[in-house]
Amino acid sequence: MEEAAARRDRISAEIRGRTGIDEAMISAVVTTFYAQVRNDPLIGPIFEEKVDDWNHHLEKLCAFWSSVVLMTGRYHGQPMQAHLSLPVRGEHFERWLEIFEATAMSVCPRTAADVFIDRARRIADSLELGIAARRGEISRPRWAKAGTTSQP
């Protein structure tokens, strides 16, 4: 167990050193992004309908993004399960990514923004495909670039 934790710490430190991403930057991206999302006429109402405690939700999202970009293992949840019942379609993912990408570019240096954007596109593809499959719709990845293997 300690060996795995030490390995995770080394990986996280390497990513932080290479990208400049740290927990403060993750928090800035998450809080800035969701402040904008909550006011968005297309996707804001979906979040407002489902999120009762925004402070708790933002903490959970910071843990999620920490796990996604820094490989910290802080998040222990099931994002697909949480999103399956949402009334979302392609246009919702497009808007989510539009806001997310603009936020990452405004909050982060370019190297860090690129990492956040790459991960966001992969997440959007995964959620959109999972939701479409659950509904019996045919879909394909739209956001991640095929054939790229960007590392955090």
Foldseek 3Di string as FASTA:
>chain_A
DVVVQVVLVVQLVVLCVVQVDDLVLLLQLLVVLVVVQCPDPPRNVQCVVPDDDVVVVSVQSSQVVCCQRRVNPSHDDDVLVVPLPGPDAPVNLVVSLVSSLVSLPVRGDPSNSVSSSLSSLVVSQVNNCSNCVVVVHDDHRDRHDPPDDDHD
